[in-house]
Amino acid sequence: MNKYFTIFINGDPFNCDSSMSLSDILRYLNIDVNNVIVEYNNDIINKVQFNSLLFKPKDSIEIITIVGGG
């Protein structure tokens, strides 16, 4: 049985399945995991944790995209 709930991404509500990892959500949003920094409930998350991080209702993530250039 799947359970759906709301988390917050950059302050906006996002409905997700309880089985979705951070990697799943980034992939769903078409975000390149190599060019982002993610803050989860006020802590910076290491990229090696992206596959194992699962959410609870009302969790909050901030996704910061790194832009290169000169």
PDB file of N, CA and C in Angstrom:
ATOM      1  N   MET A   1       0.839  -1.176   0.000  1.00  0.00           N
ATOM      2  CA  MET A   1       0.000   0.000   0.000  1.00  0.00           C
ATOM      3  C   MET A   1       0.892   1.250   0.000  1.00  0.00           C
ATOM      4  N   ASN A   2       0.619   2.133  -0.932  1.00  0.00           N
ATOM      5  CA  ASN A   2       1.388   3.366  -1.022  1.00  0.00           C
ATOM      6  C   ASN A   2       0.742   4.446  -0.167  1.00  0.00           C
ATOM      7  N   LYS A   3       1.590   5.263   0.388  1.00  0.00           N
ATOM      8  CA  LYS A   3       1.109   6.370   1.189  1.00  0.00           C
ATOM      9  C   LYS A   3       1.617   7.669   0.567  1.00  0.00           C
ATOM     10  N   TYR A   4       0.705   8.580   0.311  1.00  0.00           N
ATOM     11  CA  TYR A   4       1.069   9.871  -0.251  1.00  0.00           C
ATOM     12  C   TYR A   4       0.978  10.932   0.825  1.00  0.00           C
ATOM     13  N   PHE A   5       1.890  11.907   0.753  1.00  0.00           N
ATOM     14  CA  PHE A   5       1.858  13.017   1.689  1.00  0.00           C
ATOM     15  C   PHE A   5       2.558  14.208   1.059  1.00  0.00           C
ATOM     16  N   THR A   6       2.518  15.331   1.753  1.00  0.00           N
ATOM     17  CA  THR A   6       3.078  16.575   1.228  1.00  0.00           C
ATOM     18  C   THR A   6       4.382  16.904   1.925  1.00  0.00           C
ATOM     19  N   ILE A   7       5.394  17.243   1.099  1.00  0.00           N
ATOM     20  CA  ILE A   7       6.631  17.835   1.598  1.00  0.00           C
ATOM     21  C   ILE A   7       6.721  19.227   0.969  1.00  0.00           C
ATOM     22  N   PHE A   8       7.729  19.979   1.331  1.00  0.00           N
ATOM     23  CA  PHE A   8       7.894  21.315   0.772  1.00  0.00           C
ATOM     24  C   PHE A   8       9.232  21.399   0.057  1.00  0.00           C
ATOM     25  N   ILE A   9       9.187  21.831  -1.198  1.00  0.00           N
ATOM     26  CA  ILE A   9      10.386  21.999  -2.011  1.00  0.00           C
ATOM     27  C   ILE A   9      10.509  23.480  -2.332  1.00  0.00           C
ATOM     28  N   ASN A  10      11.574  24.096  -1.842  1.00  0.00           N
ATOM     29  CA  ASN A  10      11.789  25.535  -1.995  1.00  0.00           C
ATOM     30  C   ASN A  10      10.543  26.320  -1.570  1.00  0.00           C
ATOM     31  N   GLY A  11       9.898  25.841  -0.496  1.00  0.00           N
ATOM     32  CA  GLY A  11       8.742  26.528   0.059  1.00  0.00           C
ATOM     33  C   GLY A  11       7.407  26.155  -0.562  1.00  0.00           C
ATOM     34  N   ASP A  12       7.406  25.417  -1.670  1.00  0.00           N
ATOM     35  CA  ASP A  12       6.172  25.049  -2.344  1.00  0.00           C
ATOM     36  C   ASP A  12       5.763  23.622  -1.980  1.00  0.00           C
ATOM     37  N   PRO A  13       4.464  23.380  -1.761  1.00  0.00           N
ATOM     38  CA  PRO A  13       4.015  22.031  -1.446  1.00  0.00           C
ATOM     39  C   PRO A  13       4.218  21.076  -2.622  1.00  0.00           C
ATOM     40  N   PHE A  14       4.613  19.855  -2.321  1.00  0.00           N
ATOM     41  CA  PHE A  14       4.834  18.822  -3.337  1.00  0.00           C
ATOM     42  C   PHE A  14       4.296  17.514  -2.773  1.00  0.00           C
ATOM     43  N   ASN A  15       3.354  16.912  -3.477  1.00  0.00           N
ATOM     44  CA  ASN A  15       2.796  15.633  -3.047  1.00  0.00           C
ATOM     45  C   ASN A  15       3.671  14.512  -3.564  1.00  0.00           C
ATOM     46  N   CYS A  16       4.106  13.637  -2.672  1.00  0.00           N
ATOM     47  CA  CYS A  16       4.974  12.541  -3.082  1.00  0.00           C
ATOM     48  C   CYS A  16       4.539  11.235  -2.435  1.00  0.00           C
ATOM     49  N   ASP A  17       5.010  10.162  -3.017  1.00  0.00           N
ATOM     50  CA  ASP A  17       4.781   8.826  -2.496  1.00  0.00           C
ATOM     51  C   ASP A  17       5.807   8.570  -1.394  1.00  0.00           C
ATOM     52  N   SER A  18       5.414   7.853  -0.368  1.00  0.00           N
ATOM     53  CA  SER A  18       6.320   7.605   0.753  1.00  0.00           C
ATOM     54  C   SER A  18       7.554   6.811   0.351  1.00  0.00           C
ATOM     55  N   SER A  19       7.516   6.131  -0.798  1.00  0.00           N
ATOM     56  CA  SER A  19       8.661   5.332  -1.228  1.00  0.00           C
ATOM     57  C   SER A  19       9.664   6.140  -2.053  1.00  0.00           C
ATOM     58  N   MET A  20       9.359   7.418  -2.353  1.00  0.00           N
ATOM     59  CA  MET A  20      10.262   8.228  -3.181  1.00  0.00           C
ATOM     60  C   MET A  20      11.457   8.716  -2.378  1.00  0.00           C
ATOM     61  N   SER A  21      12.647   8.456  -2.921  1.00  0.00           N
ATOM     62  CA  SER A  21      13.868   8.975  -2.304  1.00  0.00           C
ATOM     63  C   SER A  21      14.129  10.380  -2.843  1.00  0.00           C
ATOM     64  N   LEU A  22      15.108  11.040  -2.275  1.00  0.00           N
ATOM     65  CA  LEU A  22      15.512  12.347  -2.788  1.00  0.00           C
ATOM     66  C   LEU A  22      15.922  12.233  -4.249  1.00  0.00           C
ATOM     67  N   SER A  23      16.662  11.193  -4.608  1.00  0.00           N
ATOM     68  CA  SER A  23      17.056  10.984  -6.008  1.00  0.00           C
ATOM     69  C   SER A  23      15.843  10.856  -6.913  1.00  0.00           C
ATOM     70  N   ASP A  24      14.833  10.108  -6.461  1.00  0.00           N
ATOM     71  CA  ASP A  24      13.609   9.945  -7.256  1.00  0.00           C
ATOM     72  C   ASP A  24      12.933  11.286  -7.511  1.00  0.00           C
ATOM     73  N   ILE A  25      12.862  12.108  -6.488  1.00  0.00           N
ATOM     74  CA  ILE A  25      12.209  13.412  -6.637  1.00  0.00           C
ATOM     75  C   ILE A  25      13.006  14.317  -7.566  1.00  0.00           C
ATOM     76  N   LEU A  26      14.320  14.345  -7.417  1.00  0.00           N
ATOM     77  CA  LEU A  26      15.141  15.171  -8.309  1.00  0.00           C
ATOM     78  C   LEU A  26      15.003  14.713  -9.755  1.00  0.00           C
ATOM     79  N   ARG A  27      14.977  13.404  -9.961  1.00  0.00           N
ATOM     80  CA  ARG A  27      14.806  12.854 -11.315  1.00  0.00           C
ATOM     81  C   ARG A  27      13.430  13.238 -11.859  1.00  0.00           C
ATOM     82  N   TYR A  28      12.390  13.121 -11.042  1.00  0.00           N
ATOM     83  CA  TYR A  28      11.032  13.492 -11.439  1.00  0.00           C
ATOM     84  C   TYR A  28      10.968  14.961 -11.857  1.00  0.00           C
ATOM     85  N   LEU A  29      11.707  15.812 -11.167  1.00  0.00           N
ATOM     86  CA  LEU A  29      11.718  17.248 -11.461  1.00  0.00           C
ATOM     87  C   LEU A  29      12.725  17.618 -12.555  1.00  0.00           C
ATOM     88  N   ASN A  30      13.369  16.610 -13.158  1.00  0.00           N
ATOM     89  CA  ASN A  30      14.386  16.829 -14.201  1.00  0.00           C
ATOM     90  C   ASN A  30      15.527  17.719 -13.721  1.00  0.00           C
ATOM     91  N   ILE A  31      15.994  17.463 -12.530  1.00  0.00           N
ATOM     92  CA  ILE A  31      17.105  18.222 -11.948  1.00  0.00           C
ATOM     93  C   ILE A  31      18.349  17.350 -11.974  1.00  0.00           C
ATOM     94  N   ASP A  32      19.427  17.888 -12.520  1.00  0.00           N
ATOM     95  CA  ASP A  32      20.703  17.182 -12.602  1.00  0.00           C
ATOM     96  C   ASP A  32      21.336  17.124 -11.216  1.00  0.00           C
ATOM     97  N   VAL A  33      21.455  15.912 -10.666  1.00  0.00           N
ATOM     98  CA  VAL A  33      21.984  15.765  -9.299  1.00  0.00           C
ATOM     99  C   VAL A  33      23.436  16.204  -9.181  1.00  0.00           C
ATOM    100  N   ASN A  34      24.135  16.309 -10.306  1.00  0.00           N
ATOM    101  CA  ASN A  34      25.539  16.722 -10.265  1.00  0.00           C
ATOM    102  C   ASN A  34      25.700  18.232 -10.125  1.00  0.00           C
ATOM    103  N   ASN A  35      24.610  18.974 -10.324  1.00  0.00           N
ATOM    104  CA  ASN A  35      24.701  20.430 -10.290  1.00  0.00           C
ATOM    105  C   ASN A  35      23.815  21.062  -9.228  1.00  0.00           C
ATOM    106  N   VAL A  36      23.568  20.335  -8.131  1.00  0.00           N
ATOM    107  CA  VAL A  36      22.722  20.890  -7.080  1.00  0.00           C
ATOM    108  C   VAL A  36      23.324  20.672  -5.698  1.00  0.00           C
ATOM    109  N   ILE A  37      22.907  21.530  -4.812  1.00  0.00           N
ATOM    110  CA  ILE A  37      23.131  21.348  -3.378  1.00  0.00           C
ATOM    111  C   ILE A  37      21.731  21.258  -2.787  1.00  0.00           C
ATOM    112  N   VAL A  38      21.517  20.288  -1.898  1.00  0.00           N
ATOM    113  CA  VAL A  38      20.196  20.117  -1.304  1.00  0.00           C
ATOM    114  C   VAL A  38      20.300  20.277   0.207  1.00  0.00           C
ATOM    115  N   GLU A  39      19.422  21.113   0.724  1.00  0.00           N
ATOM    116  CA  GLU A  39      19.298  21.301   2.162  1.00  0.00           C
ATOM    117  C   GLU A  39      18.013  20.599   2.596  1.00  0.00           C
ATOM    118  N   TYR A  40      18.141  19.691   3.546  1.00  0.00           N
ATOM    119  CA  TYR A  40      17.005  18.921   4.051  1.00  0.00           C
ATOM    120  C   TYR A  40      16.785  19.269   5.509  1.00  0.00           C
ATOM    121  N   ASN A  41      15.646  19.883   5.811  1.00  0.00           N
ATOM    122  CA  ASN A  41      15.351  20.323   7.182  1.00  0.00           C
ATOM    123  C   ASN A  41      16.540  21.063   7.801  1.00  0.00           C
ATOM    124  N   ASN A  42      17.082  21.994   7.032  1.00  0.00           N
ATOM    125  CA  ASN A  42      18.176  22.891   7.447  1.00  0.00           C
ATOM    126  C   ASN A  42      19.560  22.249   7.503  1.00  0.00           C
ATOM    127  N   ASP A  43      19.726  21.031   6.988  1.00  0.00           N
ATOM    128  CA  ASP A  43      21.043  20.393   6.920  1.00  0.00           C
ATOM    129  C   ASP A  43      21.410  20.123   5.466  1.00  0.00           C
ATOM    130  N   ILE A  44      22.654  20.417   5.099  1.00  0.00           N
ATOM    131  CA  ILE A  44      23.136  20.106   3.754  1.00  0.00           C
ATOM    132  C   ILE A  44      23.289  18.592   3.644  1.00  0.00           C
ATOM    133  N   ILE A  45      22.779  18.027   2.554  1.00  0.00           N
ATOM    134  CA  ILE A  45      22.816  16.583   2.339  1.00  0.00           C
ATOM    135  C   ILE A  45      23.932  16.230   1.364  1.00  0.00           C
ATOM    136  N   ASN A  46      24.753  15.266   1.740  1.00  0.00           N
ATOM    137  CA  ASN A  46      25.804  14.762   0.868  1.00  0.00           C
ATOM    138  C   ASN A  46      25.169  13.957  -0.258  1.00  0.00           C
ATOM    139  N   LYS A  47      25.709  14.091  -1.475  1.00  0.00           N
ATOM    140  CA  LYS A  47      25.149  13.401  -2.641  1.00  0.00           C
ATOM    141  C   LYS A  47      25.051  11.885  -2.458  1.00  0.00           C
ATOM    142  N   VAL A  48      25.931  11.282  -1.668  1.00  0.00           N
ATOM    143  CA  VAL A  48      25.869   9.831  -1.458  1.00  0.00           C
ATOM    144  C   VAL A  48      24.606   9.427  -0.691  1.00  0.00           C
ATOM    145  N   GLN A  49      23.945  10.374  -0.048  1.00  0.00           N
ATOM    146  CA  GLN A  49      22.722  10.082   0.703  1.00  0.00           C
ATOM    147  C   GLN A  49      21.455  10.255  -0.131  1.00  0.00           C
ATOM    148  N   PHE A  50      21.569  10.770  -1.349  1.00  0.00           N
ATOM    149  CA  PHE A  50      20.393  11.074  -2.169  1.00  0.00           C
ATOM    150  C   PHE A  50      19.512   9.847  -2.399  1.00  0.00           C
ATOM    151  N   ASN A  51      20.105   8.665  -2.589  1.00  0.00           N
ATOM    152  CA  ASN A  51      19.317   7.460  -2.857  1.00  0.00           C
ATOM    153  C   ASN A  51      18.661   6.899  -1.602  1.00  0.00           C
ATOM    154  N   SER A  52      19.224   7.161  -0.451  1.00  0.00           N
ATOM    155  CA  SER A  52      18.718   6.553   0.779  1.00  0.00           C
ATOM    156  C   SER A  52      17.815   7.477   1.594  1.00  0.00           C
ATOM    157  N   LEU A  53      17.787   8.761   1.254  1.00  0.00           N
ATOM    158  CA  LEU A  53      16.985   9.706   2.018  1.00  0.00           C
ATOM    159  C   LEU A  53      15.511   9.595   1.637  1.00  0.00           C
ATOM    160  N   LEU A  54      14.693   9.177   2.589  1.00  0.00           N
ATOM    161  CA  LEU A  54      13.248   9.113   2.410  1.00  0.00           C
ATOM    162  C   LEU A  54      12.611  10.183   3.283  1.00  0.00           C
ATOM    163  N   PHE A  55      11.446  10.631   2.884  1.00  0.00           N
ATOM    164  CA  PHE A  55      10.817  11.776   3.539  1.00  0.00           C
ATOM    165  C   PHE A  55       9.699  11.385   4.481  1.00  0.00           C
ATOM    166  N   LYS A  56       9.407  12.305   5.383  1.00  0.00           N
ATOM    167  CA  LYS A  56       8.265  12.214   6.274  1.00  0.00           C
ATOM    168  C   LYS A  56       7.343  13.392   5.927  1.00  0.00           C
ATOM    169  N   PRO A  57       6.067  13.298   6.264  1.00  0.00           N
ATOM    170  CA  PRO A  57       5.163  14.417   5.985  1.00  0.00           C
ATOM    171  C   PRO A  57       5.694  15.738   6.542  1.00  0.00           C
ATOM    172  N   LYS A  58       5.550  16.776   5.731  1.00  0.00           N
ATOM    173  CA  LYS A  58       5.918  18.155   6.077  1.00  0.00           C
ATOM    174  C   LYS A  58       7.420  18.392   6.148  1.00  0.00           C
ATOM    175  N   ASP A  59       8.245  17.430   5.678  1.00  0.00           N
ATOM    176  CA  ASP A  59       9.677  17.695   5.561  1.00  0.00           C
ATOM    177  C   ASP A  59       9.880  18.826   4.570  1.00  0.00           C
ATOM    178  N   SER A  60      11.017  19.463   4.659  1.00  0.00           N
ATOM    179  CA  SER A  60      11.326  20.594   3.794  1.00  0.00           C
ATOM    180  C   SER A  60      12.692  20.408   3.154  1.00  0.00           C
ATOM    181  N   ILE A  61      12.742  20.628   1.837  1.00  0.00           N
ATOM    182  CA  ILE A  61      14.042  20.644   1.163  1.00  0.00           C
ATOM    183  C   ILE A  61      14.173  21.925   0.362  1.00  0.00           C
ATOM    184  N   GLU A  62      15.386  22.406   0.302  1.00  0.00           N
ATOM    185  CA  GLU A  62      15.729  23.550  -0.556  1.00  0.00           C
ATOM    186  C   GLU A  62      16.712  23.013  -1.580  1.00  0.00           C
ATOM    187  N   ILE A  63      16.429  23.264  -2.847  1.00  0.00           N
ATOM    188  CA  ILE A  63      17.294  22.801  -3.931  1.00  0.00           C
ATOM    189  C   ILE A  63      17.978  24.021  -4.516  1.00  0.00           C
ATOM    190  N   ILE A  64      19.296  24.030  -4.446  1.00  0.00           N
ATOM    191  CA  ILE A  64      20.090  25.140  -4.972  1.00  0.00           C
ATOM    192  C   ILE A  64      20.851  24.627  -6.172  1.00  0.00           C
ATOM    193  N   THR A  65      20.602  25.228  -7.327  1.00  0.00           N
ATOM    194  CA  THR A  65      21.259  24.814  -8.560  1.00  0.00           C
ATOM    195  C   THR A  65      22.566  25.574  -8.718  1.00  0.00           C
ATOM    196  N   ILE A  66      23.627  24.841  -9.027  1.00  0.00           N
ATOM    197  CA  ILE A  66      24.944  25.443  -9.242  1.00  0.00           C
ATOM    198  C   ILE A  66      25.054  25.775 -10.724  1.00  0.00           C
ATOM    199  N   VAL A  67      25.360  27.017 -11.005  1.00  0.00           N
ATOM    200  CA  VAL A  67      25.465  27.465 -12.397  1.00  0.00           C
ATOM    201  C   VAL A  67      26.913  27.876 -12.643  1.00  0.00           C
ATOM    202  N   GLY A  68      27.506  27.272 -13.677  1.00  0.00           N
ATOM    203  CA  GLY A  68      28.875  27.628 -14.036  1.00  0.00           C
ATOM    204  C   GLY A  68      28.879  28.706 -15.099  1.00  0.00           C
ATOM    205  N   GLY A  69      29.999  29.285 -15.293  1.00  0.00           N
ATOM    206  CA  GLY A  69      30.090  30.311 -16.318  1.00  0.00           C
ATOM    207  C   GLY A  69      31.265  31.227 -16.047  1.00  0.00           C
ATOM    208  N   GLY A  70      31.419  32.180 -16.912  1.00  0.00           N
ATOM    209  CA  GLY A  70      32.560  33.055 -16.701  1.00  0.00           C
ATOM    210  C   GLY A  70      32.291  34.448 -17.096  1.00  0.00           C
TER     211      GLY A  70
END
